[in-house]
Each structure stands twice: as C-alpha cells, then as structure tokens.
Amino acid sequence: MVGLKPSDAPPPLGVKMASAGAAACVADLITFPLDTAKVRLQIQGEKKGVEGIRYRGVFGTISTMVRTEGPRSLYNGLVAGLQRQTCFASIRIGLYDNVKNFYTGGTEQASILVRILAGCTTGAMAVSFAQPTDVVKVRFQAQMNLDGVARRYTGTMQAYKHIFQNEGMRGLWKGTLPNITRNALVNCTELVTYDLIKEAILKHRLLSDNLPCHFVSAFGAGFVTTVIASPVDVVKTRYMNSPPGLYKSAINCSWIMMTKEGPSAFYKGFVPSFLRLGSWNVVMFVTFEQIKRAMMVTKKRYEEGN
C-alpha cells in the first residue's frame, strides 16, 4: 500500500471540505506559473504586445516573463488564487459527494447523469461565492511588470477596492456567466472522469486504492477536462481581463474572437492549459486523498483518546 489506507468510516462533510481547500492550495502553489503562462497566451491577440513582446509556447512564455519581468511575475495574483481555492475548491470538490448522494437519495450507485448534475451544481455554487477572487487573480496574471508600463493594481486588497470603486459590484462579478459555464463544465468533467476512471480501476483490480490509482485517475481527468473546457476558459479570461466597454458581453467577446482571430483562438494556450490542469489534477487529487485520510486518522485517535 502506497500512502495512507482509506478510512473504514466515510469522512464527514467538514473533513472533505477542509481537505479539498487545502489540497487545492497546495496544487496552486506548485502549478501557478503554468496558469500565469496560460493566461498570457490566452489574452495575446486581444491587443498589441507591449514593446513588441510576444509569447510562444508555455515554456517560451515562462522564459520571456522571467527575462523581461523577473521570476516573481510568474506568481502574480497568487494571493487571490489561494483565496479563490480556499472557498472555491472546498465547495465544488468538498460538497460533490454529498450533493451526489442528495440526488440519488442515498443509494450506493450513482448514474453518470447524476454525477454530471452534482458536478455542475457544486461548480456553479462555488463560482457564486468565489467570483471576485477569480477576477482579481486573472487581472494580476495578465498585468505586466515592466519599467515604464503603468500597473493597474499594486496589491490584492487594493485591486478589490479599485475594481469596486471604478466598476461597482458588477466589476467584481464580471464574467460570472462564462465562469459558471466554464466551471460547471470543468467540475463535472474533472470530478466525474476522476470518479469513473478510479471506479473502473478498482472494479477490474488493476490497482488498489492508493497513490498510483489516484495519479492515473487524476491525469486522465485533467486531459479530458482541458479538451472540453478550453474554449470557455479562453472567453472567460478575455472577458474578465477586459477594460469596461471593450466587450458588451461574453457572447460578444466570443463573436469578436471568432471573426477577428478564427476558431483556433478558442484553443489558445491549450498546451499550458493541459500542463496546468493535468499537473494540478494530479497534485490536488493525490493530496486531497491523503489529507482526507490523515484527518480521519487524527479524528479517530482523538475520539479513542476521549
């Protein structure tokens, strides 16, 4: 057995939500430079590059950013990113099993349709709480740290304040519709694919319920999610990063992208998206399973001691 053994008792909701939030923060810390590179590639073409800077590929983007803006630029928006994951992942991942059980009435086996519905539900719920943190994160990642180039924001709290003062509450919840669409897709694809792959592996006894099983399931979930969610992700990033008046709506943003840049624009940053989602899924799900089991071991020992 590689890693901690699964608990005999099902983990309570609090354990699942805390484990999901913590695991997502660990995954963000490790994969954030890939996410920043993805954002830069996605907004390229939206406007002319500053001082002729162009990004080519994920590692080329990272190299260019380090060379022109310094290594710290790769972690622009990290604070907002961690704030986002703390409330976002704890809801969309931590609540998934409970919502799934709610839809099935507590029956053992859930159909694919029920799993998809549960994933869409928790994904949409999470966005309604975490949208302002996502807006700030994306804007920080898109912001260049170059001499002579004015910076939109100097700090996370200043960014929240600035957006609220200049764009109102609508600015903080800008892009909610494409983000709900994107995260409903991501969440149901990510969690349902992970669920199904893991279930199939255990059913056919290819692997036991341990780290290698979690790794394979998470990697598969990351690839499938990237293919399905990339177009919505690009529109979401463009729209949330845009200044007031550039796009009338998310649909208008999609139309302008299609007419000006063609269908390939919707898959800009696909490689960094996959590298990020694939690696993020692996780190998050493996960490999630282990933190959840560690918390259950601690809980059991505490109860036995009392």
Protein backbone atom coordinates (compact mmCIF):
# COMPACT_ATOMS: atom_id res chain seq x y z
CA MET A 1 0.00 0.00 0.00
CA VAL A 2 1.46 3.33 -1.12
CA GLY A 3 0.23 6.17 1.10
CA LEU A 4 -2.32 6.12 3.90
CA LYS A 5 -5.03 3.47 3.95
CA PRO A 6 -8.63 4.54 3.27
CA SER A 7 -10.76 5.07 6.36
CA ASP A 8 -13.35 2.46 7.36
CA ALA A 9 -15.89 5.22 8.07
CA PRO A 10 -16.87 7.75 5.38
CA PRO A 11 -15.36 11.19 6.06
CA PRO A 12 -17.80 13.85 7.29
CA LEU A 13 -18.56 16.96 5.24
CA GLY A 14 -16.20 19.19 7.25
CA VAL A 15 -13.25 16.87 6.61
CA LYS A 16 -13.97 16.73 2.87
CA MET A 17 -14.32 20.50 2.53
CA ALA A 18 -11.19 21.26 4.56
CA SER A 19 -9.18 18.60 2.69
CA ALA A 20 -10.33 19.90 -0.70
CA GLY A 21 -9.47 23.52 0.11
CA ALA A 22 -6.02 22.62 1.49
CA ALA A 23 -5.21 20.27 -1.41
CA ALA A 24 -6.23 22.87 -4.00
CA CYS A 25 -3.97 25.46 -2.36
CA VAL A 26 -1.03 23.02 -2.50
CA ALA A 27 -1.77 22.34 -6.17
CA ASP A 28 -1.96 26.08 -6.93
CA LEU A 29 1.37 26.76 -5.23
CA ILE A 30 3.06 24.16 -7.42
CA THR A 31 1.35 24.87 -10.76
CA PHE A 32 0.72 28.64 -10.61
CA PRO A 33 3.46 29.61 -13.14
CA LEU A 34 1.78 27.36 -15.71
CA ASP A 35 -1.56 29.05 -15.04
CA THR A 36 0.01 32.51 -15.44
CA ALA A 37 1.60 31.44 -18.74
CA LYS A 38 -1.78 30.14 -19.90
CA VAL A 39 -3.46 33.48 -19.14
CA ARG A 40 -0.77 35.43 -21.02
CA LEU A 41 -1.16 33.19 -24.07
CA GLN A 42 -4.95 33.42 -23.95
CA ILE A 43 -5.02 37.24 -23.96
CA GLN A 44 -2.36 37.52 -26.66
CA GLY A 45 -4.04 38.87 -29.77
CA GLU A 46 -6.53 40.87 -27.72
CA LYS A 47 -4.28 43.91 -28.08
CA LYS A 48 -0.82 44.69 -29.42
CA GLY A 49 2.01 43.44 -27.28
CA VAL A 50 3.88 45.87 -25.04
CA GLU A 51 7.26 46.84 -26.51
CA GLY A 52 6.96 44.09 -29.08
CA ILE A 53 6.80 41.28 -26.53
CA ARG A 54 5.30 38.10 -27.99
CA TYR A 55 4.79 34.77 -26.26
CA ARG A 56 5.50 31.45 -27.98
CA GLY A 57 4.54 28.26 -26.19
CA VAL A 58 4.25 27.64 -22.49
CA PHE A 59 7.96 27.39 -21.66
CA GLY A 60 8.77 30.24 -24.05
CA THR A 61 6.19 32.37 -22.23
CA ILE A 62 7.66 31.49 -18.83
CA SER A 63 11.18 32.24 -20.12
CA THR A 64 10.09 35.58 -21.62
CA MET A 65 8.31 36.60 -18.42
CA VAL A 66 11.33 35.75 -16.23
CA ARG A 67 13.66 37.62 -18.61
CA THR A 68 11.54 40.76 -19.00
CA GLU A 69 9.63 40.94 -15.70
CA GLY A 70 11.55 38.79 -13.24
CA PRO A 71 10.70 35.42 -11.62
CA ARG A 72 8.12 36.96 -9.26
CA SER A 73 5.88 37.76 -12.25
CA LEU A 74 5.09 34.04 -12.55
CA TYR A 75 3.27 34.29 -9.22
CA ASN A 76 1.28 37.45 -9.97
CA GLY A 77 -2.13 37.02 -8.34
CA LEU A 78 -1.07 34.11 -6.10
CA VAL A 79 -2.73 35.60 -3.00
CA ALA A 80 -6.05 35.97 -4.83
CA GLY A 81 -5.52 32.48 -6.29
CA LEU A 82 -5.15 30.94 -2.83
CA GLN A 83 -8.16 32.91 -1.57
CA ARG A 84 -10.09 31.56 -4.54
CA GLN A 85 -9.13 27.94 -3.91
CA THR A 86 -9.85 28.13 -0.18
CA CYS A 87 -13.52 28.91 -0.75
CA PHE A 88 -13.89 27.61 -4.31
CA ALA A 89 -12.41 24.10 -4.12
CA SER A 90 -13.85 23.41 -0.68
CA ILE A 91 -17.33 23.90 -2.16
CA ARG A 92 -17.02 22.38 -5.64
CA ILE A 93 -14.97 19.34 -4.57
CA GLY A 94 -15.83 19.03 -0.88
CA LEU A 95 -19.59 19.12 -1.46
CA TYR A 96 -19.59 16.84 -4.53
CA ASP A 97 -20.20 13.51 -2.75
CA ASN A 98 -22.92 14.97 -0.53
CA VAL A 99 -24.76 16.58 -3.46
CA LYS A 100 -24.42 13.32 -5.43
CA ASN A 101 -25.94 11.40 -2.51
CA PHE A 102 -28.70 14.01 -2.24
CA TYR A 103 -29.68 13.48 -5.89
CA THR A 104 -29.61 9.68 -5.57
CA GLY A 105 -31.47 9.66 -2.27
CA GLY A 106 -28.51 7.98 -0.58
CA THR A 107 -28.37 4.92 -2.86
CA GLU A 108 -25.00 3.26 -3.33
CA GLN A 109 -24.64 3.55 -7.12
CA ALA A 110 -24.98 6.91 -8.89
CA SER A 111 -25.55 7.10 -12.65
CA ILE A 112 -23.32 9.21 -14.91
CA LEU A 113 -26.15 11.71 -15.35
CA VAL A 114 -26.47 12.18 -11.59
CA ARG A 115 -22.71 12.63 -11.25
CA ILE A 116 -22.73 15.24 -14.02
CA LEU A 117 -25.62 17.05 -12.36
CA ALA A 118 -23.83 17.01 -8.99
CA GLY A 119 -20.62 18.34 -10.57
CA CYS A 120 -22.47 21.14 -12.39
CA THR A 121 -24.33 22.06 -9.19
CA THR A 122 -21.28 22.37 -6.94
CA GLY A 123 -19.28 24.10 -9.69
CA ALA A 124 -21.98 26.77 -10.14
CA MET A 125 -22.36 27.18 -6.36
CA ALA A 126 -18.62 27.73 -5.95
CA VAL A 127 -18.47 30.43 -8.64
CA SER A 128 -21.24 32.44 -6.95
CA PHE A 129 -19.03 32.70 -3.84
CA ALA A 130 -15.54 32.93 -5.34
CA GLN A 131 -16.01 35.06 -8.49
CA PRO A 132 -14.37 38.27 -7.14
CA THR A 133 -11.20 36.35 -6.24
CA ASP A 134 -11.08 34.89 -9.75
CA VAL A 135 -11.43 38.33 -11.38
CA VAL A 136 -8.55 39.73 -9.30
CA LYS A 137 -6.38 36.66 -9.93
CA VAL A 138 -6.80 36.84 -13.72
CA ARG A 139 -6.12 40.58 -13.84
CA PHE A 140 -2.94 40.22 -11.80
CA GLN A 141 -1.73 37.38 -14.03
CA ALA A 142 -2.40 39.46 -17.15
CA GLN A 143 -0.61 42.51 -15.71
CA MET A 144 2.93 43.13 -16.94
CA ASN A 145 5.66 44.19 -14.50
CA LEU A 146 7.75 46.31 -16.88
CA ASP A 147 9.60 49.57 -16.30
CA GLY A 148 7.65 52.42 -17.83
CA VAL A 149 4.43 50.41 -18.08
CA ALA A 150 1.66 51.55 -15.74
CA ARG A 151 0.37 48.81 -13.44
CA ARG A 152 -3.37 48.51 -12.92
CA TYR A 153 -3.05 47.11 -9.41
CA THR A 154 -0.35 47.18 -6.69
CA GLY A 155 -1.84 44.69 -4.22
CA THR A 156 -4.67 42.21 -3.77
CA MET A 157 -6.81 44.30 -1.41
CA GLN A 158 -6.13 47.44 -3.48
CA ALA A 159 -7.35 45.52 -6.55
CA TYR A 160 -10.65 44.58 -4.87
CA LYS A 161 -11.10 48.21 -3.77
CA HIS A 162 -10.14 49.66 -7.17
CA ILE A 163 -12.47 47.37 -9.10
CA PHE A 164 -15.36 48.11 -6.74
CA GLN A 165 -14.82 51.89 -6.88
CA ASN A 166 -14.43 52.04 -10.68
CA GLU A 167 -16.70 49.23 -11.87
CA GLY A 168 -19.01 48.64 -8.92
CA MET A 169 -20.24 45.25 -7.71
CA ARG A 170 -20.73 44.20 -11.34
CA GLY A 171 -16.97 44.57 -11.86
CA LEU A 172 -16.20 42.11 -9.07
CA TRP A 173 -18.66 39.62 -10.53
CA LYS A 174 -17.64 40.33 -14.14
CA GLY A 175 -17.67 37.22 -16.29
CA THR A 176 -19.85 35.26 -13.87
CA LEU A 177 -21.90 33.67 -16.66
CA PRO A 178 -18.92 32.35 -18.69
CA ASN A 179 -17.23 31.37 -15.42
CA ILE A 180 -20.29 29.41 -14.24
CA THR A 181 -20.40 27.74 -17.66
CA ARG A 182 -16.69 27.03 -17.58
CA ASN A 183 -16.64 25.74 -14.00
CA ALA A 184 -19.77 23.66 -14.43
CA LEU A 185 -18.01 22.00 -17.39
CA VAL A 186 -14.68 21.72 -15.57
CA ASN A 187 -16.15 20.47 -12.33
CA CYS A 188 -18.45 17.83 -13.78
CA THR A 189 -15.79 16.67 -16.27
CA GLU A 190 -12.99 16.69 -13.73
CA LEU A 191 -14.84 15.00 -10.86
CA VAL A 192 -16.96 12.63 -12.95
CA THR A 193 -13.97 11.50 -15.06
CA TYR A 194 -11.86 11.00 -11.94
CA ASP A 195 -14.74 9.14 -10.30
CA LEU A 196 -15.30 6.84 -13.29
CA ILE A 197 -11.63 6.09 -14.00
CA LYS A 198 -10.91 5.37 -10.34
CA GLU A 199 -14.04 3.21 -10.08
CA ALA A 200 -13.09 1.21 -13.21
CA ILE A 201 -9.50 0.68 -11.99
CA LEU A 202 -10.72 -0.63 -8.62
CA LYS A 203 -13.51 -2.71 -10.17
CA HIS A 204 -11.12 -4.54 -12.52
CA ARG A 205 -8.45 -4.72 -9.80
CA LEU A 206 -5.82 -3.05 -11.97
CA LEU A 207 -4.57 -1.10 -8.96
CA SER A 208 -5.54 -0.82 -5.31
CA ASP A 209 -6.97 2.37 -3.80
CA ASN A 210 -3.62 4.12 -3.34
CA LEU A 211 -1.33 6.77 -4.87
CA PRO A 212 -0.76 5.17 -8.33
CA CYS A 213 -4.52 4.74 -8.78
CA HIS A 214 -5.15 8.36 -7.79
CA PHE A 215 -2.35 9.55 -10.11
CA VAL A 216 -3.71 7.73 -13.19
CA SER A 217 -7.29 8.82 -12.49
CA ALA A 218 -6.28 12.46 -11.97
CA PHE A 219 -4.13 12.58 -15.12
CA GLY A 220 -6.98 11.23 -17.25
CA ALA A 221 -9.40 13.70 -15.69
CA GLY A 222 -7.03 16.59 -16.44
CA PHE A 223 -6.74 15.73 -20.15
CA VAL A 224 -10.48 15.25 -20.74
CA THR A 225 -11.27 18.45 -18.84
CA THR A 226 -8.79 20.52 -20.89
CA VAL A 227 -10.29 19.39 -24.21
CA ILE A 228 -13.84 20.24 -23.15
CA ALA A 229 -13.27 23.42 -21.15
CA SER A 230 -10.56 25.29 -23.11
CA PRO A 231 -12.88 27.35 -25.39
CA VAL A 232 -14.96 28.60 -22.45
CA ASP A 233 -11.80 29.20 -20.41
CA VAL A 234 -10.31 31.47 -23.10
CA VAL A 235 -13.52 33.53 -23.37
CA LYS A 236 -13.74 33.79 -19.58
CA THR A 237 -10.13 35.02 -19.32
CA ARG A 238 -10.50 37.57 -22.15
CA TYR A 239 -13.78 38.93 -20.80
CA MET A 240 -12.74 39.19 -17.14
CA ASN A 241 -9.44 40.90 -18.05
CA SER A 242 -11.04 43.40 -20.47
CA PRO A 243 -11.45 47.10 -19.58
CA PRO A 244 -15.01 48.46 -19.38
CA GLY A 245 -16.64 48.79 -22.81
CA LEU A 246 -14.34 46.51 -24.81
CA TYR A 247 -16.90 43.69 -24.94
CA LYS A 248 -20.66 44.03 -24.49
CA SER A 249 -21.00 40.51 -23.10
CA ALA A 250 -19.30 37.13 -23.00
CA ILE A 251 -21.17 36.14 -26.16
CA ASN A 252 -19.99 39.33 -27.88
CA CYS A 253 -16.43 38.51 -26.77
CA SER A 254 -16.78 35.04 -28.36
CA TRP A 255 -18.09 36.53 -31.60
CA ILE A 256 -15.25 39.09 -31.86
CA MET A 257 -12.70 36.34 -31.23
CA MET A 258 -14.25 34.15 -33.92
CA THR A 259 -14.44 36.91 -36.55
CA LYS A 260 -11.05 38.50 -35.85
CA GLU A 261 -8.88 35.53 -34.92
CA GLY A 262 -10.74 32.45 -36.13
CA PRO A 263 -11.70 29.19 -34.35
CA SER A 264 -8.12 28.50 -33.27
CA ALA A 265 -8.36 31.46 -30.87
CA PHE A 266 -10.59 29.36 -28.60
CA TYR A 267 -7.73 26.90 -28.07
CA LYS A 268 -5.03 29.47 -27.43
CA GLY A 269 -2.90 28.31 -24.55
CA PHE A 270 -4.10 24.69 -24.90
CA VAL A 271 -0.71 23.16 -24.05
CA PRO A 272 -0.22 25.23 -20.87
CA SER A 273 -3.87 24.59 -20.04
CA PHE A 274 -3.27 20.85 -20.23
CA LEU A 275 0.07 21.03 -18.44
CA ARG A 276 -1.58 23.10 -15.76
CA LEU A 277 -4.83 21.13 -15.46
CA GLY A 278 -3.06 17.77 -15.76
CA SER A 279 -0.45 18.58 -13.15
CA TRP A 280 -2.98 20.46 -10.99
CA ASN A 281 -5.35 17.49 -11.01
CA VAL A 282 -2.58 15.06 -10.12
CA VAL A 283 -1.29 17.17 -7.23
CA MET A 284 -4.77 18.13 -6.00
CA PHE A 285 -6.43 14.68 -6.08
CA VAL A 286 -3.40 12.84 -4.67
CA THR A 287 -3.04 15.45 -1.90
CA PHE A 288 -6.81 15.52 -1.32
CA GLU A 289 -7.00 11.76 -0.79
CA GLN A 290 -4.02 11.78 1.59
CA ILE A 291 -5.09 14.83 3.63
CA LYS A 292 -8.59 13.40 3.92
CA ARG A 293 -7.23 10.08 5.18
CA ALA A 294 -4.76 11.80 7.53
CA MET A 295 -7.58 13.88 9.03
CA MET A 296 -9.68 10.74 9.52
CA VAL A 297 -6.75 9.00 11.29
CA THR A 298 -6.31 12.07 13.54
CA LYS A 299 -10.06 12.21 14.21
CA LYS A 300 -10.15 8.51 15.13
CA ARG A 301 -7.19 8.83 17.50
CA TYR A 302 -8.75 11.88 19.15
CA GLU A 303 -12.06 10.05 19.66
CA GLU A 304 -10.28 6.97 21.05
CA GLY A 305 -8.30 9.17 23.44
CA ASN A 306 -11.53 10.60 24.80
